[in-house]
All heavy atoms as atom14 arrays in JSON, in Angstrom:
{
  "sequence": "VDLNIRTSRDVMEFIRGIKSGKSTPLKNITSDYHYHTVSADSEETL",
  "atom14_mask": [
    [1, 1, 1, 1, 1, 1, 1, 0, 0, 0, 0, 0, 0, 0],
    [1, 1, 1, 1, 1, 1, 1, 1, 0, 0, 0, 0, 0, 0],
    [1, 1, 1, 1, 1, 1, 1, 1, 0, 0, 0, 0, 0, 0],
    [1, 1, 1, 1, 1, 1, 1, 1, 0, 0, 0, 0, 0, 0],
    [1, 1, 1, 1, 1, 1, 1, 1, 0, 0, 0, 0, 0, 0],
    [1, 1, 1, 1, 1, 1, 1, 1, 1, 1, 1, 0, 0, 0],
    [1, 1, 1, 1, 1, 1, 1, 0, 0, 0, 0, 0, 0, 0],
    [1, 1, 1, 1, 1, 1, 0, 0, 0, 0, 0, 0, 0, 0],
    [1, 1, 1, 1, 1, 1, 1, 1, 1, 1, 1, 0, 0, 0],
    [1, 1, 1, 1, 1, 1, 1, 1, 0, 0, 0, 0, 0, 0],
    [1, 1, 1, 1, 1, 1, 1, 0, 0, 0, 0, 0, 0, 0],
    [1, 1, 1, 1, 1, 1, 1, 1, 0, 0, 0, 0, 0, 0],
    [1, 1, 1, 1, 1, 1, 1, 1, 1, 0, 0, 0, 0, 0],
    [1, 1, 1, 1, 1, 1, 1, 1, 1, 1, 1, 0, 0, 0],
    [1, 1, 1, 1, 1, 1, 1, 1, 0, 0, 0, 0, 0, 0],
    [1, 1, 1, 1, 1, 1, 1, 1, 1, 1, 1, 0, 0, 0],
    [1, 1, 1, 1, 0, 0, 0, 0, 0, 0, 0, 0, 0, 0],
    [1, 1, 1, 1, 1, 1, 1, 1, 0, 0, 0, 0, 0, 0],
    [1, 1, 1, 1, 1, 1, 1, 1, 1, 0, 0, 0, 0, 0],
    [1, 1, 1, 1, 1, 1, 0, 0, 0, 0, 0, 0, 0, 0],
    [1, 1, 1, 1, 0, 0, 0, 0, 0, 0, 0, 0, 0, 0],
    [1, 1, 1, 1, 1, 1, 1, 1, 1, 0, 0, 0, 0, 0],
    [1, 1, 1, 1, 1, 1, 0, 0, 0, 0, 0, 0, 0, 0],
    [1, 1, 1, 1, 1, 1, 1, 0, 0, 0, 0, 0, 0, 0],
    [1, 1, 1, 1, 1, 1, 1, 0, 0, 0, 0, 0, 0, 0],
    [1, 1, 1, 1, 1, 1, 1, 1, 0, 0, 0, 0, 0, 0],
    [1, 1, 1, 1, 1, 1, 1, 1, 1, 0, 0, 0, 0, 0],
    [1, 1, 1, 1, 1, 1, 1, 1, 0, 0, 0, 0, 0, 0],
    [1, 1, 1, 1, 1, 1, 1, 1, 0, 0, 0, 0, 0, 0],
    [1, 1, 1, 1, 1, 1, 1, 0, 0, 0, 0, 0, 0, 0],
    [1, 1, 1, 1, 1, 1, 0, 0, 0, 0, 0, 0, 0, 0],
    [1, 1, 1, 1, 1, 1, 1, 1, 0, 0, 0, 0, 0, 0],
    [1, 1, 1, 1, 1, 1, 1, 1, 1, 1, 1, 1, 0, 0],
    [1, 1, 1, 1, 1, 1, 1, 1, 1, 1, 0, 0, 0, 0],
    [1, 1, 1, 1, 1, 1, 1, 1, 1, 1, 1, 1, 0, 0],
    [1, 1, 1, 1, 1, 1, 1, 1, 1, 1, 0, 0, 0, 0],
    [1, 1, 1, 1, 1, 1, 1, 0, 0, 0, 0, 0, 0, 0],
    [1, 1, 1, 1, 1, 1, 1, 0, 0, 0, 0, 0, 0, 0],
    [1, 1, 1, 1, 1, 1, 0, 0, 0, 0, 0, 0, 0, 0],
    [1, 1, 1, 1, 1, 0, 0, 0, 0, 0, 0, 0, 0, 0],
    [1, 1, 1, 1, 1, 1, 1, 1, 0, 0, 0, 0, 0, 0],
    [1, 1, 1, 1, 1, 1, 0, 0, 0, 0, 0, 0, 0, 0],
    [1, 1, 1, 1, 1, 1, 1, 1, 1, 0, 0, 0, 0, 0],
    [1, 1, 1, 1, 1, 1, 1, 1, 1, 0, 0, 0, 0, 0],
    [1, 1, 1, 1, 1, 1, 1, 0, 0, 0, 0, 0, 0, 0],
    [1, 1, 1, 1, 1, 1, 1, 1, 0, 0, 0, 0, 0, 0]
  ],
  "atom14_positions": [
    [[-158.54, -15.11, -115.42], [-157.44, -15.67, -114.67], [-157.53, -15.37, -113.11], [-158.06, -14.34, -112.73], [-156.04, -15.08, -115.17], [-155.81, -15.47, -116.56], [-156.0, -13.55, -115.02], [0.0, 0.0, 0.0], [0.0, 0.0, 0.0], [0.0, 0.0, 0.0], [0.0, 0.0, 0.0], [0.0, 0.0, 0.0], [0.0, 0.0, 0.0], [0.0, 0.0, 0.0]],
    [[-157.2, -16.4, -112.35], [-157.16, -16.2, -110.93], [-155.91, -15.49, -110.5], [-154.81, -15.86, -111.01], [-157.27, -17.54, -110.16], [-158.68, -18.2, -110.45], [-159.61, -17.41, -110.62], [-158.71, -19.45, -110.33], [0.0, 0.0, 0.0], [0.0, 0.0, 0.0], [0.0, 0.0, 0.0], [0.0, 0.0, 0.0], [0.0, 0.0, 0.0], [0.0, 0.0, 0.0]],
    [[-156.09, -14.49, -109.67], [-154.83, -13.77, -109.23], [-154.55, -14.0, -107.7], [-153.44, -14.14, -107.34], [-155.02, -12.22, -109.49], [-155.1, -11.83, -110.88], [-155.38, -10.35, -111.06], [-153.87, -12.18, -111.73], [0.0, 0.0, 0.0], [0.0, 0.0, 0.0], [0.0, 0.0, 0.0], [0.0, 0.0, 0.0], [0.0, 0.0, 0.0], [0.0, 0.0, 0.0]],
    [[-155.54, -13.85, -106.83], [-155.36, -13.96, -105.38], [-154.21, -12.98, -104.87], [-153.33, -13.38, -104.15], [-155.07, -15.38, -104.96], [-155.22, -15.65, -103.53], [-156.05, -15.05, -102.89], [-154.47, -16.6, -103.03], [0.0, 0.0, 0.0], [0.0, 0.0, 0.0], [0.0, 0.0, 0.0], [0.0, 0.0, 0.0], [0.0, 0.0, 0.0], [0.0, 0.0, 0.0]],
    [[-154.37, -11.77, -105.3], [-153.52, -10.74, -104.84], [-153.91, -10.17, -103.53], [-154.96, -9.49, -103.51], [-153.26, -9.67, -105.95], [-152.56, -10.33, -107.08], [-152.37, -8.4, -105.39], [-152.36, -9.4, -108.32], [0.0, 0.0, 0.0], [0.0, 0.0, 0.0], [0.0, 0.0, 0.0], [0.0, 0.0, 0.0], [0.0, 0.0, 0.0], [0.0, 0.0, 0.0]],
    [[-153.22, -10.37, -102.44], [-153.65, -9.87, -101.06], [-152.77, -8.85, -100.55], [-153.21, -8.13, -99.57], [-153.57, -11.1, -100.21], [-154.5, -12.22, -100.54], [-154.3, -13.43, -99.68], [-155.37, -14.42, -99.97], [-156.49, -14.49, -99.45], [-156.88, -13.64, -98.58], [-157.36, -15.43, -99.8], [0.0, 0.0, 0.0], [0.0, 0.0, 0.0], [0.0, 0.0, 0.0]],
    [[-151.53, -8.7, -100.93], [-150.58, -7.8, -100.24], [-149.76, -7.06, -101.23], [-149.82, -7.36, -102.52], [-149.59, -8.63, -99.44], [-148.77, -9.34, -100.35], [-150.21, -9.56, -98.41], [0.0, 0.0, 0.0], [0.0, 0.0, 0.0], [0.0, 0.0, 0.0], [0.0, 0.0, 0.0], [0.0, 0.0, 0.0], [0.0, 0.0, 0.0], [0.0, 0.0, 0.0]],
    [[-149.1, -5.99, -100.79], [-148.32, -5.19, -101.71], [-147.16, -6.02, -102.3], [-146.71, -5.79, -103.38], [-147.74, -3.95, -101.04], [-147.02, -4.28, -99.87], [0.0, 0.0, 0.0], [0.0, 0.0, 0.0], [0.0, 0.0, 0.0], [0.0, 0.0, 0.0], [0.0, 0.0, 0.0], [0.0, 0.0, 0.0], [0.0, 0.0, 0.0], [0.0, 0.0, 0.0]],
    [[-146.7, -6.96, -101.59], [-145.67, -7.88, -102.06], [-146.23, -8.73, -103.25], [-145.57, -8.95, -104.22], [-145.18, -8.82, -100.98], [-144.08, -9.7, -101.45], [-143.56, -10.62, -100.4], [-142.6, -11.47, -100.96], [-141.7, -12.16, -100.26], [-141.69, -12.07, -98.93], [-140.73, -12.92, -100.88], [0.0, 0.0, 0.0], [0.0, 0.0, 0.0], [0.0, 0.0, 0.0]],
    [[-147.49, -9.17, -103.11], [-148.11, -9.88, -104.21], [-148.17, -9.01, -105.51], [-147.97, -9.47, -106.59], [-149.57, -10.4, -103.87], [-149.63, -11.46, -102.76], [-148.57, -12.09, -102.55], [-150.66, -11.63, -102.2], [0.0, 0.0, 0.0], [0.0, 0.0, 0.0], [0.0, 0.0, 0.0], [0.0, 0.0, 0.0], [0.0, 0.0, 0.0], [0.0, 0.0, 0.0]],
    [[-148.55, -7.74, -105.25], [-148.63, -6.79, -106.35], [-147.16, -6.66, -107.01], [-147.08, -6.72, -108.22], [-149.07, -5.38, -105.87], [-148.98, -4.32, -107.0], [-150.51, -5.52, -105.34], [0.0, 0.0, 0.0], [0.0, 0.0, 0.0], [0.0, 0.0, 0.0], [0.0, 0.0, 0.0], [0.0, 0.0, 0.0], [0.0, 0.0, 0.0], [0.0, 0.0, 0.0]],
    [[-146.24, -6.44, -106.2], [-144.86, -6.39, -106.69], [-144.38, -7.58, -107.57], [-143.83, -7.43, -108.56], [-143.83, -6.21, -105.5], [-142.46, -5.93, -105.86], [-141.34, -5.75, -104.38], [-141.46, -7.34, -103.73], [0.0, 0.0, 0.0], [0.0, 0.0, 0.0], [0.0, 0.0, 0.0], [0.0, 0.0, 0.0], [0.0, 0.0, 0.0], [0.0, 0.0, 0.0]],
    [[-144.7, -8.76, -106.98], [-144.41, -9.98, -107.8], [-145.14, -10.07, -109.15], [-144.62, -10.49, -110.17], [-144.66, -11.28, -106.94], [-143.64, -11.36, -105.84], [-143.96, -12.48, -104.84], [-144.8, -13.36, -105.11], [-143.31, -12.51, -103.79], [0.0, 0.0, 0.0], [0.0, 0.0, 0.0], [0.0, 0.0, 0.0], [0.0, 0.0, 0.0], [0.0, 0.0, 0.0]],
    [[-146.4, -9.67, -109.07], [-147.22, -9.65, -110.32], [-146.66, -8.7, -111.33], [-146.49, -9.08, -112.49], [-148.66, -9.3, -109.97], [-149.6, -9.2, -111.15], [-150.12, -10.27, -111.79], [-149.9, -7.92, -111.73], [-150.88, -10.17, -112.96], [-150.67, -7.86, -112.8], [-151.23, -8.94, -113.43], [0.0, 0.0, 0.0], [0.0, 0.0, 0.0], [0.0, 0.0, 0.0]],
    [[-146.34, -7.45, -110.9], [-145.85, -6.45, -111.81], [-144.43, -6.91, -112.35], [-144.14, -6.72, -113.54], [-145.71, -5.11, -111.05], [-147.1, -4.58, -110.74], [-144.91, -4.08, -111.88], [-148.0, -4.33, -111.89], [0.0, 0.0, 0.0], [0.0, 0.0, 0.0], [0.0, 0.0, 0.0], [0.0, 0.0, 0.0], [0.0, 0.0, 0.0], [0.0, 0.0, 0.0]],
    [[-143.63, -7.53, -111.46], [-142.37, -8.08, -111.95], [-142.56, -9.1, -113.08], [-141.83, -9.07, -114.08], [-141.52, -8.7, -110.76], [-140.17, -9.14, -111.21], [-139.34, -9.72, -110.03], [-139.38, -8.95, -108.85], [-139.59, -9.43, -107.64], [-139.74, -10.72, -107.43], [-139.59, -8.62, -106.54], [0.0, 0.0, 0.0], [0.0, 0.0, 0.0], [0.0, 0.0, 0.0]],
    [[-143.5, -9.98, -112.86], [-143.84, -10.91, -113.94], [-144.24, -10.22, -115.24], [-143.84, -10.69, -116.31], [0.0, 0.0, 0.0], [0.0, 0.0, 0.0], [0.0, 0.0, 0.0], [0.0, 0.0, 0.0], [0.0, 0.0, 0.0], [0.0, 0.0, 0.0], [0.0, 0.0, 0.0], [0.0, 0.0, 0.0], [0.0, 0.0, 0.0], [0.0, 0.0, 0.0]],
    [[-145.11, -9.3, -115.13], [-145.46, -8.54, -116.4], [-144.37, -7.85, -116.99], [-144.14, -7.92, -118.21], [-146.66, -7.59, -116.04], [-147.9, -8.29, -115.58], [-146.93, -6.58, -117.19], [-148.53, -9.21, -116.63], [0.0, 0.0, 0.0], [0.0, 0.0, 0.0], [0.0, 0.0, 0.0], [0.0, 0.0, 0.0], [0.0, 0.0, 0.0], [0.0, 0.0, 0.0]],
    [[-143.5, -7.12, -116.19], [-142.4, -6.43, -116.75], [-141.25, -7.24, -117.27], [-140.45, -6.81, -118.03], [-141.83, -5.45, -115.7], [-142.75, -4.24, -115.44], [-142.12, -3.26, -114.42], [-143.03, -2.09, -114.25], [-142.44, -1.15, -113.2], [0.0, 0.0, 0.0], [0.0, 0.0, 0.0], [0.0, 0.0, 0.0], [0.0, 0.0, 0.0], [0.0, 0.0, 0.0]],
    [[-141.3, -8.53, -117.0], [-140.24, -9.39, -117.46], [-140.44, -9.56, -118.99], [-139.46, -10.06, -119.59], [-140.41, -10.85, -116.82], [-141.49, -11.47, -117.35], [0.0, 0.0, 0.0], [0.0, 0.0, 0.0], [0.0, 0.0, 0.0], [0.0, 0.0, 0.0], [0.0, 0.0, 0.0], [0.0, 0.0, 0.0], [0.0, 0.0, 0.0], [0.0, 0.0, 0.0]],
    [[-141.55, -9.14, -119.52], [-141.65, -9.27, -120.97], [-142.24, -10.57, -121.49], [-142.49, -10.74, -122.67], [0.0, 0.0, 0.0], [0.0, 0.0, 0.0], [0.0, 0.0, 0.0], [0.0, 0.0, 0.0], [0.0, 0.0, 0.0], [0.0, 0.0, 0.0], [0.0, 0.0, 0.0], [0.0, 0.0, 0.0], [0.0, 0.0, 0.0], [0.0, 0.0, 0.0]],
    [[-142.48, -11.54, -120.61], [-143.0, -12.81, -121.02], [-144.47, -12.77, -121.39], [-144.94, -13.63, -122.13], [-142.8, -13.89, -119.88], [-141.36, -14.12, -119.67], [-141.19, -15.16, -118.53], [-139.66, -15.41, -118.25], [-139.46, -16.27, -117.1], [0.0, 0.0, 0.0], [0.0, 0.0, 0.0], [0.0, 0.0, 0.0], [0.0, 0.0, 0.0], [0.0, 0.0, 0.0]],
    [[-145.15, -11.72, -120.85], [-146.59, -11.67, -121.12], [-147.03, -10.15, -120.94], [-146.24, -9.35, -120.46], [-147.36, -12.59, -120.23], [-148.76, -12.59, -120.65], [0.0, 0.0, 0.0], [0.0, 0.0, 0.0], [0.0, 0.0, 0.0], [0.0, 0.0, 0.0], [0.0, 0.0, 0.0], [0.0, 0.0, 0.0], [0.0, 0.0, 0.0], [0.0, 0.0, 0.0]],
    [[-148.22, -9.92, -121.28], [-148.85, -8.56, -121.01], [-150.15, -8.76, -120.22], [-150.72, -9.83, -120.22], [-149.12, -7.85, -122.31], [-150.16, -8.62, -122.99], [-147.93, -7.71, -123.19], [0.0, 0.0, 0.0], [0.0, 0.0, 0.0], [0.0, 0.0, 0.0], [0.0, 0.0, 0.0], [0.0, 0.0, 0.0], [0.0, 0.0, 0.0], [0.0, 0.0, 0.0]],
    [[-150.59, -7.69, -119.61], [-151.83, -7.75, -118.85], [-153.03, -8.21, -119.72], [-153.1, -7.87, -120.86], [-152.1, -6.32, -118.33], [-150.73, -5.77, -118.26], [-149.97, -6.37, -119.46], [0.0, 0.0, 0.0], [0.0, 0.0, 0.0], [0.0, 0.0, 0.0], [0.0, 0.0, 0.0], [0.0, 0.0, 0.0], [0.0, 0.0, 0.0], [0.0, 0.0, 0.0]],
    [[-153.92, -8.97, -119.19], [-155.08, -9.51, -119.94], [-155.95, -8.31, -120.5], [-156.49, -8.52, -121.54], [-155.98, -10.34, -118.88], [-157.16, -11.04, -119.48], [-156.79, -12.09, -120.56], [-157.9, -11.75, -118.31], [0.0, 0.0, 0.0], [0.0, 0.0, 0.0], [0.0, 0.0, 0.0], [0.0, 0.0, 0.0], [0.0, 0.0, 0.0], [0.0, 0.0, 0.0]],
    [[-155.93, -7.25, -119.84], [-156.77, -6.14, -120.25], [-156.34, -5.61, -121.65], [-157.11, -4.89, -122.35], [-156.67, -4.94, -119.3], [-155.32, -4.3, -119.14], [-155.29, -3.24, -118.15], [-153.79, -2.51, -118.18], [-153.59, -1.97, -119.49], [0.0, 0.0, 0.0], [0.0, 0.0, 0.0], [0.0, 0.0, 0.0], [0.0, 0.0, 0.0], [0.0, 0.0, 0.0]],
    [[-155.15, -5.86, -122.06], [-154.69, -5.37, -123.36], [-155.39, -6.02, -124.55], [-155.33, -5.44, -125.66], [-153.13, -5.64, -123.43], [-152.31, -4.78, -122.57], [-152.86, -3.9, -121.98], [-151.09, -5.03, -122.48], [0.0, 0.0, 0.0], [0.0, 0.0, 0.0], [0.0, 0.0, 0.0], [0.0, 0.0, 0.0], [0.0, 0.0, 0.0], [0.0, 0.0, 0.0]],
    [[-156.05, -7.09, -124.32], [-156.82, -7.69, -125.49], [-158.21, -7.04, -125.62], [-158.87, -7.28, -126.59], [-156.94, -9.2, -125.46], [-157.83, -9.62, -124.2], [-155.65, -9.88, -125.38], [-158.14, -11.16, -124.24], [0.0, 0.0, 0.0], [0.0, 0.0, 0.0], [0.0, 0.0, 0.0], [0.0, 0.0, 0.0], [0.0, 0.0, 0.0], [0.0, 0.0, 0.0]],
    [[-158.57, -6.21, -124.67], [-159.86, -5.42, -124.78], [-159.68, -3.91, -124.52], [-160.38, -3.29, -123.91], [-160.84, -6.01, -123.78], [-160.27, -5.97, -122.42], [-161.24, -7.4, -124.04], [0.0, 0.0, 0.0], [0.0, 0.0, 0.0], [0.0, 0.0, 0.0], [0.0, 0.0, 0.0], [0.0, 0.0, 0.0], [0.0, 0.0, 0.0], [0.0, 0.0, 0.0]],
    [[-158.62, -3.36, -125.1], [-158.36, -1.94, -125.08], [-158.39, -1.34, -123.66], [-159.05, -0.31, -123.38], [-159.3, -1.2, -125.92], [-159.27, -1.69, -127.34], [0.0, 0.0, 0.0], [0.0, 0.0, 0.0], [0.0, 0.0, 0.0], [0.0, 0.0, 0.0], [0.0, 0.0, 0.0], [0.0, 0.0, 0.0], [0.0, 0.0, 0.0], [0.0, 0.0, 0.0]],
    [[-157.79, -2.1, -122.73], [-157.65, -1.65, -121.29], [-158.85, -1.92, -120.45], [-158.81, -1.68, -119.19], [-157.17, -0.25, -121.17], [-155.7, -0.06, -121.66], [-154.89, -0.99, -121.63], [-155.34, 1.08, -122.15], [0.0, 0.0, 0.0], [0.0, 0.0, 0.0], [0.0, 0.0, 0.0], [0.0, 0.0, 0.0], [0.0, 0.0, 0.0], [0.0, 0.0, 0.0]],
    [[-159.97, -2.31, -120.99], [-161.16, -2.68, -120.16], [-161.02, -4.02, -119.6], [-160.71, -4.94, -120.29], [-162.45, -2.47, -120.97], [-162.79, -1.09, -121.41], [-162.33, -0.56, -122.57], [-163.49, -0.26, -120.6], [-162.61, 0.65, -122.98], [-163.8, 1.05, -120.97], [-163.34, 1.47, -122.1], [-163.59, 2.78, -122.46], [0.0, 0.0, 0.0], [0.0, 0.0, 0.0]],
    [[-161.29, -4.14, -118.31], [-161.21, -5.42, -117.61], [-162.04, -5.3, -116.31], [-162.45, -4.31, -115.91], [-159.79, -5.8, -117.32], [-159.05, -4.86, -116.36], [-158.7, -3.62, -116.83], [-158.65, -5.0, -115.11], [-158.05, -2.97, -115.8], [-158.07, -3.81, -114.75], [0.0, 0.0, 0.0], [0.0, 0.0, 0.0], [0.0, 0.0, 0.0], [0.0, 0.0, 0.0]],
    [[-162.17, -6.52, -115.68], [-162.97, -6.59, -114.49], [-162.14, -7.33, -113.44], [-161.32, -8.12, -113.7], [-164.21, -7.45, -114.61], [-165.27, -6.86, -115.65], [-165.02, -7.12, -117.08], [-166.29, -6.21, -115.25], [-165.98, -6.68, -117.99], [-167.25, -5.71, -116.15], [-167.0, -5.95, -117.52], [-167.98, -5.5, -118.43], [0.0, 0.0, 0.0], [0.0, 0.0, 0.0]],
    [[-162.31, -6.88, -112.1], [-161.67, -7.58, -111.1], [-162.83, -8.04, -109.99], [-163.8, -7.24, -109.76], [-160.75, -6.74, -110.23], [-159.47, -6.36, -110.92], [-158.61, -7.31, -111.41], [-158.85, -5.22, -111.21], [-157.56, -6.78, -111.93], [-157.7, -5.5, -111.86], [0.0, 0.0, 0.0], [0.0, 0.0, 0.0], [0.0, 0.0, 0.0], [0.0, 0.0, 0.0]],
    [[-162.77, -9.23, -109.65], [-163.66, -9.64, -108.47], [-162.74, -9.34, -107.24], [-161.64, -9.85, -107.15], [-163.98, -11.1, -108.52], [-164.68, -11.42, -109.72], [-164.89, -11.52, -107.33], [0.0, 0.0, 0.0], [0.0, 0.0, 0.0], [0.0, 0.0, 0.0], [0.0, 0.0, 0.0], [0.0, 0.0, 0.0], [0.0, 0.0, 0.0], [0.0, 0.0, 0.0]],
    [[-163.18, -8.44, -106.36], [-162.48, -8.12, -105.2], [-163.26, -8.54, -103.93], [-164.52, -8.33, -103.84], [-162.31, -6.63, -105.13], [-161.64, -6.18, -103.77], [-161.51, -6.1, -106.29], [0.0, 0.0, 0.0], [0.0, 0.0, 0.0], [0.0, 0.0, 0.0], [0.0, 0.0, 0.0], [0.0, 0.0, 0.0], [0.0, 0.0, 0.0], [0.0, 0.0, 0.0]],
    [[-162.61, -9.24, -103.01], [-163.21, -9.67, -101.81], [-162.68, -8.86, -100.65], [-161.5, -8.31, -100.72], [-163.02, -11.13, -101.56], [-161.77, -11.47, -101.35], [0.0, 0.0, 0.0], [0.0, 0.0, 0.0], [0.0, 0.0, 0.0], [0.0, 0.0, 0.0], [0.0, 0.0, 0.0], [0.0, 0.0, 0.0], [0.0, 0.0, 0.0], [0.0, 0.0, 0.0]],
    [[-163.38, -8.74, -99.57], [-162.99, -8.02, -98.45], [-163.71, -8.5, -97.19], [-164.67, -9.26, -97.35], [-163.2, -6.51, -98.56], [0.0, 0.0, 0.0], [0.0, 0.0, 0.0], [0.0, 0.0, 0.0], [0.0, 0.0, 0.0], [0.0, 0.0, 0.0], [0.0, 0.0, 0.0], [0.0, 0.0, 0.0], [0.0, 0.0, 0.0], [0.0, 0.0, 0.0]],
    [[-163.4, -8.02, -96.02], [-164.07, -8.41, -94.77], [-165.52, -7.97, -94.69], [-166.34, -8.43, -94.0], [-163.27, -8.06, -93.57], [-163.01, -6.53, -93.4], [-163.32, -5.79, -94.42], [-162.67, -6.06, -92.34], [0.0, 0.0, 0.0], [0.0, 0.0, 0.0], [0.0, 0.0, 0.0], [0.0, 0.0, 0.0], [0.0, 0.0, 0.0], [0.0, 0.0, 0.0]],
    [[-165.84, -6.82, -95.44], [-167.21, -6.25, -95.26], [-167.54, -5.38, -96.46], [-166.66, -4.99, -97.28], [-167.19, -5.37, -94.09], [-166.42, -4.22, -94.22], [0.0, 0.0, 0.0], [0.0, 0.0, 0.0], [0.0, 0.0, 0.0], [0.0, 0.0, 0.0], [0.0, 0.0, 0.0], [0.0, 0.0, 0.0], [0.0, 0.0, 0.0], [0.0, 0.0, 0.0]],
    [[-168.86, -5.09, -96.61], [-169.25, -4.13, -97.63], [-168.64, -2.8, -97.45], [-168.42, -2.1, -98.46], [-170.8, -4.12, -97.7], [-171.5, -5.38, -98.19], [-171.28, -5.65, -99.66], [-171.02, -4.76, -100.49], [-171.31, -6.89, -100.02], [0.0, 0.0, 0.0], [0.0, 0.0, 0.0], [0.0, 0.0, 0.0], [0.0, 0.0, 0.0], [0.0, 0.0, 0.0]],
    [[-168.56, -2.35, -96.18], [-167.97, -1.01, -95.9], [-166.45, -0.98, -96.48], [-166.12, 0.05, -97.08], [-167.92, -0.78, -94.37], [-169.33, -0.61, -93.84], [-170.04, -1.95, -93.55], [-169.42, -3.03, -93.53], [-171.27, -1.87, -93.36], [0.0, 0.0, 0.0], [0.0, 0.0, 0.0], [0.0, 0.0, 0.0], [0.0, 0.0, 0.0], [0.0, 0.0, 0.0]],
    [[-165.76, -1.99, -96.38], [-164.33, -2.09, -96.92], [-164.44, -1.94, -98.52], [-163.65, -1.16, -99.12], [-163.59, -3.3, -96.51], [-163.47, -3.29, -95.06], [-162.24, -3.29, -97.09], [0.0, 0.0, 0.0], [0.0, 0.0, 0.0], [0.0, 0.0, 0.0], [0.0, 0.0, 0.0], [0.0, 0.0, 0.0], [0.0, 0.0, 0.0], [0.0, 0.0, 0.0]],
    [[-165.36, -2.68, -99.11], [-165.53, -2.56, -100.53], [-166.04, -1.19, -100.94], [-165.54, -0.7, -101.99], [-166.53, -3.64, -100.98], [-166.07, -5.11, -100.9], [-167.19, -6.06, -101.23], [-164.92, -5.34, -101.85], [0.0, 0.0, 0.0], [0.0, 0.0, 0.0], [0.0, 0.0, 0.0], [0.0, 0.0, 0.0], [0.0, 0.0, 0.0], [0.0, 0.0, 0.0]]
  ]
}
């Protein structure tokens, strides 16, 4: 799933959606194991 989470506000909205009870995090189908592709301005930031 594409997330495009850039800010703490984006995080807050994502968590609010999960806590609404309409769905659960994708990681729950694989016993909490999951991957994120993370982008940043540089390798140093990563």
